[in-house]
Amino acid sequence: MPLILCFTVVASVGIGVISAYVAVLGILQACGRASQRQPRPAEARPRLVLVPTQNHAGGD
């Protein structure tokens, strides 16, 4: 009886670990394919540049 219980626990934990691993890999594959399908062109977005202005925050 203890051998059957031990085998059942080990098998259940193993199946849980394998199914979680497969689920995470599936999510990563789905997200990776979505980003590869729609590449973002670098030229389409305006480049953000810090420009000094004449408006000073100080009270002088």
N, C-alpha and C. Protein backbone atom coordinates (compact mmCIF):
# COMPACT_ATOMS: atom_id res chain seq x y z
N MET A 1 0.81 -1.20 0.00
CA MET A 1 0.00 0.00 0.00
C MET A 1 0.86 1.28 0.00
N PRO A 2 1.88 1.39 0.85
CA PRO A 2 2.70 2.61 0.82
C PRO A 2 3.41 2.80 -0.53
N LEU A 3 3.78 1.71 -1.18
CA LEU A 3 4.45 1.81 -2.47
C LEU A 3 3.50 2.37 -3.52
N ILE A 4 2.26 1.94 -3.51
CA ILE A 4 1.27 2.45 -4.46
C ILE A 4 1.00 3.93 -4.20
N LEU A 5 0.89 4.32 -2.95
CA LEU A 5 0.66 5.72 -2.60
C LEU A 5 1.85 6.59 -3.01
N CYS A 6 3.05 6.13 -2.77
CA CYS A 6 4.25 6.87 -3.15
C CYS A 6 4.34 7.03 -4.67
N PHE A 7 4.06 5.96 -5.40
CA PHE A 7 4.08 6.02 -6.85
C PHE A 7 3.02 6.99 -7.38
N THR A 8 1.85 6.98 -6.76
CA THR A 8 0.77 7.88 -7.19
C THR A 8 1.16 9.33 -6.97
N VAL A 9 1.76 9.63 -5.83
CA VAL A 9 2.17 11.01 -5.53
C VAL A 9 3.26 11.46 -6.49
N VAL A 10 4.25 10.61 -6.72
CA VAL A 10 5.35 10.96 -7.63
C VAL A 10 4.83 11.15 -9.05
N ALA A 11 3.93 10.28 -9.48
CA ALA A 11 3.37 10.40 -10.83
C ALA A 11 2.53 11.67 -10.97
N SER A 12 1.75 12.01 -9.96
CA SER A 12 0.91 13.21 -10.01
C SER A 12 1.76 14.47 -10.04
N VAL A 13 2.79 14.53 -9.23
CA VAL A 13 3.67 15.70 -9.22
C VAL A 13 4.41 15.80 -10.55
N GLY A 14 4.87 14.69 -11.07
CA GLY A 14 5.56 14.70 -12.36
C GLY A 14 4.66 15.17 -13.49
N ILE A 15 3.43 14.70 -13.52
CA ILE A 15 2.49 15.14 -14.55
C ILE A 15 2.19 16.63 -14.41
N GLY A 16 2.08 17.12 -13.19
CA GLY A 16 1.84 18.54 -12.97
C GLY A 16 3.00 19.40 -13.44
N VAL A 17 4.22 18.98 -13.15
CA VAL A 17 5.40 19.73 -13.57
C VAL A 17 5.51 19.75 -15.09
N ILE A 18 5.28 18.62 -15.72
CA ILE A 18 5.38 18.54 -17.18
C ILE A 18 4.29 19.38 -17.84
N SER A 19 3.06 19.34 -17.30
CA SER A 19 1.98 20.13 -17.90
C SER A 19 2.23 21.64 -17.72
N ALA A 20 2.78 22.05 -16.59
CA ALA A 20 3.11 23.46 -16.39
C ALA A 20 4.22 23.88 -17.35
N TYR A 21 5.20 23.04 -17.55
CA TYR A 21 6.29 23.34 -18.48
C TYR A 21 5.76 23.50 -19.90
N VAL A 22 4.88 22.59 -20.31
CA VAL A 22 4.30 22.66 -21.65
C VAL A 22 3.44 23.92 -21.80
N ALA A 23 2.70 24.28 -20.75
CA ALA A 23 1.85 25.48 -20.81
C ALA A 23 2.70 26.74 -20.96
N VAL A 24 3.78 26.84 -20.20
CA VAL A 24 4.65 28.02 -20.29
C VAL A 24 5.31 28.09 -21.66
N LEU A 25 5.78 26.98 -22.18
CA LEU A 25 6.37 26.98 -23.52
C LEU A 25 5.35 27.37 -24.58
N GLY A 26 4.11 26.91 -24.42
CA GLY A 26 3.07 27.28 -25.37
C GLY A 26 2.77 28.76 -25.34
N ILE A 27 2.73 29.34 -24.16
CA ILE A 27 2.49 30.79 -24.04
C ILE A 27 3.64 31.56 -24.65
N LEU A 28 4.87 31.15 -24.39
CA LEU A 28 6.02 31.84 -24.96
C LEU A 28 6.05 31.72 -26.48
N GLN A 29 5.69 30.57 -27.01
CA GLN A 29 5.64 30.40 -28.46
C GLN A 29 4.56 31.28 -29.07
N ALA A 30 3.40 31.37 -28.43
CA ALA A 30 2.31 32.19 -28.95
C ALA A 30 2.69 33.67 -28.95
N CYS A 31 3.33 34.13 -27.90
CA CYS A 31 3.75 35.53 -27.84
C CYS A 31 4.88 35.80 -28.82
N GLY A 32 5.77 34.88 -29.00
CA GLY A 32 6.86 35.06 -29.94
C GLY A 32 6.38 35.13 -31.37
N ARG A 33 5.42 34.31 -31.72
CA ARG A 33 4.88 34.34 -33.08
C ARG A 33 4.10 35.61 -33.33
N ALA A 34 3.40 36.13 -32.35
CA ALA A 34 2.63 37.35 -32.53
C ALA A 34 3.55 38.53 -32.80
N SER A 35 4.68 38.59 -32.13
CA SER A 35 5.59 39.70 -32.35
C SER A 35 6.34 39.54 -33.68
N GLN A 36 6.53 38.33 -34.15
CA GLN A 36 7.21 38.13 -35.42
C GLN A 36 6.28 38.43 -36.60
N ARG A 37 4.98 38.25 -36.40
CA ARG A 37 4.03 38.51 -37.48
C ARG A 37 3.92 40.00 -37.78
N GLN A 38 3.98 40.83 -36.76
CA GLN A 38 3.80 42.26 -36.92
C GLN A 38 5.04 43.00 -36.44
N PRO A 39 6.08 43.04 -37.27
CA PRO A 39 7.27 43.78 -36.82
C PRO A 39 6.99 45.28 -36.82
N ARG A 40 7.53 45.95 -35.84
CA ARG A 40 7.35 47.39 -35.72
C ARG A 40 8.46 48.10 -36.48
N PRO A 41 8.11 48.88 -37.48
CA PRO A 41 9.17 49.60 -38.19
C PRO A 41 9.75 50.70 -37.31
N ALA A 42 11.05 50.82 -37.32
CA ALA A 42 11.72 51.80 -36.47
C ALA A 42 11.52 53.21 -37.01
N GLU A 43 11.37 53.37 -38.33
CA GLU A 43 11.24 54.70 -38.91
C GLU A 43 9.84 55.28 -38.72
N ALA A 44 8.85 54.46 -38.44
CA ALA A 44 7.47 54.95 -38.34
C ALA A 44 7.26 55.75 -37.05
N ARG A 45 8.00 55.44 -36.01
CA ARG A 45 7.82 56.15 -34.74
C ARG A 45 8.75 57.34 -34.67
N PRO A 46 8.25 58.49 -34.23
CA PRO A 46 9.15 59.64 -34.09
C PRO A 46 10.12 59.41 -32.94
N ARG A 47 11.31 59.87 -33.11
CA ARG A 47 12.34 59.71 -32.09
C ARG A 47 12.18 60.80 -31.03
N LEU A 48 12.20 60.41 -29.78
CA LEU A 48 12.06 61.37 -28.69
C LEU A 48 13.43 61.98 -28.37
N VAL A 49 13.48 63.30 -28.39
CA VAL A 49 14.73 64.01 -28.14
C VAL A 49 14.49 65.06 -27.07
N LEU A 50 15.38 65.14 -26.12
CA LEU A 50 15.28 66.18 -25.09
C LEU A 50 15.85 67.48 -25.64
N VAL A 51 15.02 68.53 -25.63
CA VAL A 51 15.43 69.82 -26.18
C VAL A 51 15.37 70.85 -25.06
N PRO A 52 16.44 71.59 -24.85
CA PRO A 52 16.39 72.61 -23.81
C PRO A 52 15.43 73.73 -24.21
N THR A 53 14.67 74.22 -23.25
CA THR A 53 13.72 75.30 -23.51
C THR A 53 14.12 76.53 -22.73
N GLN A 54 13.45 77.63 -22.97
CA GLN A 54 13.71 78.87 -22.26
C GLN A 54 12.91 78.97 -20.97
N ASN A 55 12.04 78.04 -20.71
CA ASN A 55 11.21 78.07 -19.51
C ASN A 55 11.96 77.43 -18.35
N HIS A 56 12.39 78.23 -17.41
CA HIS A 56 13.11 77.72 -16.26
C HIS A 56 12.15 77.54 -15.10
N ALA A 57 12.35 76.47 -14.34
CA ALA A 57 11.46 76.20 -13.23
C ALA A 57 11.82 77.03 -11.99
N GLY A 58 12.99 77.60 -11.96
CA GLY A 58 13.42 78.35 -10.78
C GLY A 58 12.68 79.70 -10.64
N GLY A 59 12.70 80.24 -9.48
CA GLY A 59 12.01 81.51 -9.23
C GLY A 59 12.88 82.73 -9.46
N ASP A 60 14.04 82.60 -10.03
CA ASP A 60 14.95 83.74 -10.25
C ASP A 60 14.46 84.65 -11.34
